[in-house]
Amino acid sequence: MAAVADVTDATFTDLVLKSSKPVVIDYWADWCAPCKQLSPIIEELARDYGDKVTFLKMDTNTSTQVPTQQGVLGLPTIQVFVGGEVVKSFTGAKPKSVLLRAIEEYL
């Protein structure tokens, strides 16, 4: 059972780009209502797949450099990284089934 850990501008390279496992990042902000709807889905996926996939969340209020570099223009944005590269990206609240298909494609 894995928790969704926080990632920041400072820890992004080590936790995401250098990860040996696929990484799912949830870019969010406390003022974003769809982000709050998506959060329990990400937590559930982390519990189910946390042994195979790293789940991270980035607060875009406190970390602004990485979202800008990654082209995050709307919230929530979910990015799936494999081998340090973005292989999938979603903007807006998505149903669990869409996220699950994206994750299972890279397991």
N, C-alpha and C. Protein backbone atom coordinates (compact mmCIF):
# COMPACT_ATOMS: atom_id res chain seq x y z
N MET A 1 0.85 -1.18 0.00
CA MET A 1 0.00 0.00 0.00
C MET A 1 0.89 1.24 0.00
N ALA A 2 0.89 1.95 -1.10
CA ALA A 2 1.76 3.12 -1.24
C ALA A 2 0.95 4.40 -1.12
N ALA A 3 1.57 5.38 -0.55
CA ALA A 3 0.94 6.69 -0.45
C ALA A 3 1.39 7.54 -1.63
N VAL A 4 0.65 8.61 -1.87
CA VAL A 4 1.03 9.56 -2.91
C VAL A 4 1.96 10.58 -2.25
N ALA A 5 3.21 10.59 -2.67
CA ALA A 5 4.21 11.47 -2.06
C ALA A 5 4.23 12.82 -2.78
N ASP A 6 4.76 13.81 -2.09
CA ASP A 6 4.91 15.14 -2.68
C ASP A 6 6.21 15.22 -3.47
N VAL A 7 6.16 15.92 -4.59
CA VAL A 7 7.36 16.21 -5.38
C VAL A 7 7.41 17.72 -5.56
N THR A 8 8.61 18.28 -5.56
CA THR A 8 8.79 19.72 -5.71
C THR A 8 9.74 20.00 -6.86
N ASP A 9 9.91 21.28 -7.16
CA ASP A 9 10.90 21.65 -8.18
C ASP A 9 12.26 21.05 -7.84
N ALA A 10 12.61 21.06 -6.55
CA ALA A 10 13.94 20.60 -6.11
C ALA A 10 14.10 19.09 -6.20
N THR A 11 13.01 18.32 -6.03
CA THR A 11 13.13 16.86 -6.01
C THR A 11 12.68 16.19 -7.31
N PHE A 12 12.22 16.97 -8.27
CA PHE A 12 11.67 16.44 -9.52
C PHE A 12 12.66 15.54 -10.26
N THR A 13 13.87 15.99 -10.44
CA THR A 13 14.86 15.21 -11.22
C THR A 13 15.09 13.85 -10.57
N ASP A 14 15.32 13.83 -9.26
CA ASP A 14 15.60 12.55 -8.59
C ASP A 14 14.38 11.63 -8.55
N LEU A 15 13.21 12.19 -8.24
CA LEU A 15 12.03 11.35 -8.05
C LEU A 15 11.35 10.95 -9.36
N VAL A 16 11.50 11.76 -10.39
CA VAL A 16 10.77 11.50 -11.64
C VAL A 16 11.72 11.09 -12.76
N LEU A 17 12.64 11.96 -13.11
CA LEU A 17 13.48 11.72 -14.28
C LEU A 17 14.43 10.55 -14.08
N LYS A 18 14.85 10.28 -12.85
CA LYS A 18 15.78 9.19 -12.57
C LYS A 18 15.10 7.93 -12.05
N SER A 19 13.78 7.91 -12.04
CA SER A 19 13.04 6.76 -11.50
C SER A 19 13.17 5.55 -12.41
N SER A 20 13.33 4.38 -11.82
CA SER A 20 13.39 3.14 -12.59
C SER A 20 11.99 2.60 -12.88
N LYS A 21 10.99 3.11 -12.17
CA LYS A 21 9.60 2.70 -12.38
C LYS A 21 8.85 3.79 -13.12
N PRO A 22 7.72 3.45 -13.77
CA PRO A 22 6.87 4.51 -14.31
C PRO A 22 6.43 5.44 -13.18
N VAL A 23 6.25 6.72 -13.51
CA VAL A 23 5.85 7.72 -12.52
C VAL A 23 4.60 8.44 -13.00
N VAL A 24 3.63 8.58 -12.10
CA VAL A 24 2.42 9.35 -12.39
C VAL A 24 2.48 10.60 -11.50
N ILE A 25 2.41 11.77 -12.13
CA ILE A 25 2.41 13.03 -11.37
C ILE A 25 1.06 13.70 -11.52
N ASP A 26 0.52 14.11 -10.39
CA ASP A 26 -0.72 14.87 -10.33
C ASP A 26 -0.34 16.32 -10.00
N TYR A 27 -0.45 17.21 -10.98
CA TYR A 27 -0.23 18.64 -10.74
C TYR A 27 -1.54 19.23 -10.25
N TRP A 28 -1.52 19.88 -9.08
CA TRP A 28 -2.75 20.36 -8.46
C TRP A 28 -2.54 21.70 -7.78
N ALA A 29 -3.63 22.28 -7.30
CA ALA A 29 -3.59 23.50 -6.49
C ALA A 29 -4.78 23.46 -5.53
N ASP A 30 -4.64 24.09 -4.38
CA ASP A 30 -5.69 24.04 -3.36
C ASP A 30 -6.98 24.74 -3.79
N TRP A 31 -6.92 25.64 -4.76
CA TRP A 31 -8.11 26.37 -5.22
C TRP A 31 -8.84 25.65 -6.35
N CYS A 32 -8.32 24.51 -6.79
CA CYS A 32 -8.82 23.78 -7.96
C CYS A 32 -9.82 22.70 -7.54
N ALA A 33 -11.11 22.93 -7.81
CA ALA A 33 -12.15 21.96 -7.43
C ALA A 33 -11.99 20.60 -8.14
N PRO A 34 -11.72 20.56 -9.45
CA PRO A 34 -11.52 19.25 -10.09
C PRO A 34 -10.32 18.50 -9.52
N CYS A 35 -9.31 19.23 -9.05
CA CYS A 35 -8.15 18.58 -8.42
C CYS A 35 -8.59 17.80 -7.19
N LYS A 36 -9.50 18.40 -6.42
CA LYS A 36 -9.98 17.75 -5.20
C LYS A 36 -10.80 16.51 -5.53
N GLN A 37 -11.49 16.52 -6.68
CA GLN A 37 -12.26 15.35 -7.10
C GLN A 37 -11.33 14.23 -7.56
N LEU A 38 -10.22 14.60 -8.17
CA LEU A 38 -9.28 13.62 -8.72
C LEU A 38 -8.40 12.98 -7.65
N SER A 39 -8.13 13.71 -6.59
CA SER A 39 -7.19 13.25 -5.57
C SER A 39 -7.52 11.86 -5.00
N PRO A 40 -8.77 11.56 -4.62
CA PRO A 40 -9.06 10.22 -4.08
C PRO A 40 -8.83 9.10 -5.11
N ILE A 41 -9.03 9.41 -6.39
CA ILE A 41 -8.79 8.42 -7.44
C ILE A 41 -7.30 8.10 -7.53
N ILE A 42 -6.48 9.15 -7.49
CA ILE A 42 -5.02 8.95 -7.53
C ILE A 42 -4.56 8.16 -6.31
N GLU A 43 -5.13 8.47 -5.14
CA GLU A 43 -4.76 7.75 -3.92
C GLU A 43 -5.15 6.28 -4.01
N GLU A 44 -6.32 6.00 -4.59
CA GLU A 44 -6.76 4.62 -4.75
C GLU A 44 -5.84 3.86 -5.72
N LEU A 45 -5.48 4.49 -6.82
CA LEU A 45 -4.56 3.87 -7.77
C LEU A 45 -3.19 3.62 -7.14
N ALA A 46 -2.75 4.55 -6.29
CA ALA A 46 -1.47 4.38 -5.60
C ALA A 46 -1.52 3.16 -4.68
N ARG A 47 -2.64 2.96 -4.01
CA ARG A 47 -2.78 1.79 -3.14
C ARG A 47 -2.73 0.50 -3.97
N ASP A 48 -3.37 0.52 -5.14
CA ASP A 48 -3.47 -0.69 -5.96
C ASP A 48 -2.21 -0.97 -6.78
N TYR A 49 -1.53 0.08 -7.23
CA TYR A 49 -0.40 -0.09 -8.16
C TYR A 49 0.92 0.47 -7.64
N GLY A 50 0.96 0.89 -6.40
CA GLY A 50 2.14 1.55 -5.85
C GLY A 50 3.40 0.72 -5.83
N ASP A 51 3.26 -0.61 -5.92
CA ASP A 51 4.46 -1.46 -5.97
C ASP A 51 5.11 -1.44 -7.35
N LYS A 52 4.34 -1.04 -8.39
CA LYS A 52 4.85 -1.05 -9.76
C LYS A 52 5.03 0.34 -10.35
N VAL A 53 4.32 1.32 -9.78
CA VAL A 53 4.31 2.68 -10.30
C VAL A 53 4.48 3.65 -9.13
N THR A 54 5.27 4.70 -9.34
CA THR A 54 5.44 5.74 -8.32
C THR A 54 4.39 6.83 -8.57
N PHE A 55 3.62 7.16 -7.55
CA PHE A 55 2.59 8.19 -7.64
C PHE A 55 3.04 9.42 -6.84
N LEU A 56 3.06 10.56 -7.51
CA LEU A 56 3.51 11.80 -6.89
C LEU A 56 2.50 12.90 -7.16
N LYS A 57 2.50 13.91 -6.27
CA LYS A 57 1.66 15.09 -6.50
C LYS A 57 2.52 16.33 -6.33
N MET A 58 2.25 17.33 -7.19
CA MET A 58 3.00 18.57 -7.14
C MET A 58 2.05 19.74 -6.94
N ASP A 59 2.27 20.48 -5.86
CA ASP A 59 1.48 21.67 -5.57
C ASP A 59 2.01 22.80 -6.45
N THR A 60 1.20 23.22 -7.42
CA THR A 60 1.65 24.23 -8.37
C THR A 60 1.67 25.63 -7.77
N ASN A 61 1.15 25.78 -6.55
CA ASN A 61 1.26 27.07 -5.86
C ASN A 61 2.67 27.28 -5.32
N THR A 62 3.31 26.19 -4.88
CA THR A 62 4.63 26.31 -4.27
C THR A 62 5.77 25.91 -5.22
N SER A 63 5.46 25.06 -6.18
CA SER A 63 6.45 24.66 -7.19
C SER A 63 5.94 25.14 -8.55
N THR A 64 6.62 26.11 -9.12
CA THR A 64 6.16 26.69 -10.39
C THR A 64 7.09 26.39 -11.56
N GLN A 65 8.34 26.08 -11.26
CA GLN A 65 9.34 25.89 -12.31
C GLN A 65 9.05 24.65 -13.17
N VAL A 66 8.83 23.50 -12.53
CA VAL A 66 8.60 22.25 -13.27
C VAL A 66 7.29 22.31 -14.08
N PRO A 67 6.17 22.76 -13.49
CA PRO A 67 4.96 22.84 -14.31
C PRO A 67 5.15 23.71 -15.56
N THR A 68 5.89 24.80 -15.44
CA THR A 68 6.17 25.66 -16.59
C THR A 68 7.01 24.91 -17.62
N GLN A 69 8.07 24.23 -17.15
CA GLN A 69 8.93 23.46 -18.06
C GLN A 69 8.17 22.33 -18.74
N GLN A 70 7.22 21.75 -18.04
CA GLN A 70 6.46 20.60 -18.57
C GLN A 70 5.24 21.04 -19.38
N GLY A 71 5.03 22.34 -19.51
CA GLY A 71 3.92 22.83 -20.32
C GLY A 71 2.55 22.63 -19.69
N VAL A 72 2.51 22.60 -18.36
CA VAL A 72 1.23 22.44 -17.66
C VAL A 72 0.48 23.77 -17.74
N LEU A 73 -0.64 23.77 -18.48
CA LEU A 73 -1.40 25.00 -18.69
C LEU A 73 -2.74 25.00 -17.97
N GLY A 74 -3.19 23.83 -17.54
CA GLY A 74 -4.47 23.73 -16.83
C GLY A 74 -4.36 22.73 -15.71
N LEU A 75 -5.28 22.83 -14.77
CA LEU A 75 -5.28 21.91 -13.62
C LEU A 75 -6.64 21.23 -13.52
N PRO A 76 -6.64 20.00 -13.03
CA PRO A 76 -5.47 19.17 -12.77
C PRO A 76 -4.85 18.68 -14.08
N THR A 77 -3.55 18.44 -14.04
CA THR A 77 -2.85 17.78 -15.13
C THR A 77 -2.19 16.53 -14.56
N ILE A 78 -2.35 15.44 -15.28
CA ILE A 78 -1.70 14.18 -14.92
C ILE A 78 -0.70 13.87 -16.01
N GLN A 79 0.53 13.58 -15.61
CA GLN A 79 1.55 13.15 -16.58
C GLN A 79 2.09 11.79 -16.15
N VAL A 80 2.30 10.92 -17.14
CA VAL A 80 2.91 9.61 -16.91
C VAL A 80 4.30 9.66 -17.54
N PHE A 81 5.31 9.40 -16.72
CA PHE A 81 6.71 9.38 -17.18
C PHE A 81 7.21 7.95 -17.18
N VAL A 82 7.93 7.58 -18.24
CA VAL A 82 8.62 6.30 -18.31
C VAL A 82 10.02 6.61 -18.83
N GLY A 83 11.03 6.19 -18.08
CA GLY A 83 12.40 6.45 -18.49
C GLY A 83 12.73 7.94 -18.59
N GLY A 84 12.09 8.74 -17.74
CA GLY A 84 12.36 10.18 -17.71
C GLY A 84 11.65 10.98 -18.79
N GLU A 85 10.80 10.33 -19.58
CA GLU A 85 10.08 11.01 -20.67
C GLU A 85 8.58 10.94 -20.43
N VAL A 86 7.86 12.01 -20.81
CA VAL A 86 6.40 12.00 -20.72
C VAL A 86 5.86 11.11 -21.83
N VAL A 87 5.08 10.09 -21.42
CA VAL A 87 4.47 9.20 -22.41
C VAL A 87 2.97 9.41 -22.53
N LYS A 88 2.37 10.01 -21.51
CA LYS A 88 0.94 10.34 -21.52
C LYS A 88 0.74 11.61 -20.72
N SER A 89 -0.24 12.40 -21.13
CA SER A 89 -0.57 13.61 -20.39
C SER A 89 -2.06 13.88 -20.53
N PHE A 90 -2.71 14.19 -19.41
CA PHE A 90 -4.14 14.50 -19.39
C PHE A 90 -4.34 15.81 -18.64
N THR A 91 -5.23 16.64 -19.14
CA THR A 91 -5.61 17.85 -18.42
C THR A 91 -7.10 17.76 -18.12
N GLY A 92 -7.45 18.14 -16.89
CA GLY A 92 -8.84 18.07 -16.46
C GLY A 92 -9.09 16.78 -15.70
N ALA A 93 -10.17 16.77 -14.95
CA ALA A 93 -10.53 15.59 -14.17
C ALA A 93 -10.93 14.47 -15.13
N LYS A 94 -10.33 13.33 -14.95
CA LYS A 94 -10.61 12.16 -15.80
C LYS A 94 -11.15 11.04 -14.93
N PRO A 95 -11.99 10.17 -15.52
CA PRO A 95 -12.47 9.03 -14.74
C PRO A 95 -11.34 8.04 -14.46
N LYS A 96 -11.53 7.25 -13.45
CA LYS A 96 -10.53 6.27 -13.05
C LYS A 96 -10.16 5.35 -14.21
N SER A 97 -11.13 4.97 -15.03
CA SER A 97 -10.87 4.04 -16.13
C SER A 97 -9.84 4.58 -17.12
N VAL A 98 -9.88 5.88 -17.40
CA VAL A 98 -8.93 6.49 -18.33
C VAL A 98 -7.52 6.44 -17.75
N LEU A 99 -7.40 6.79 -16.47
CA LEU A 99 -6.09 6.77 -15.81
C LEU A 99 -5.56 5.34 -15.71
N LEU A 100 -6.44 4.41 -15.40
CA LEU A 100 -6.05 3.02 -15.26
C LEU A 100 -5.50 2.47 -16.57
N ARG A 101 -6.15 2.76 -17.69
CA ARG A 101 -5.66 2.31 -19.00
C ARG A 101 -4.28 2.89 -19.29
N ALA A 102 -4.08 4.15 -18.96
CA ALA A 102 -2.78 4.80 -19.21
C ALA A 102 -1.69 4.15 -18.38
N ILE A 103 -1.99 3.80 -17.14
CA ILE A 103 -1.01 3.19 -16.26
C ILE A 103 -0.68 1.75 -16.73
N GLU A 104 -1.74 0.98 -17.01
CA GLU A 104 -1.54 -0.42 -17.35
C GLU A 104 -0.78 -0.59 -18.67
N GLU A 105 -0.84 0.41 -19.51
CA GLU A 105 -0.12 0.36 -20.79
C GLU A 105 1.40 0.29 -20.58
N TYR A 106 1.88 0.79 -19.45
CA TYR A 106 3.34 0.87 -19.22
C TYR A 106 3.82 -0.05 -18.10
N LEU A 107 3.00 -0.96 -17.66
CA LEU A 107 3.44 -1.90 -16.62
C LEU A 107 4.18 -3.07 -17.22
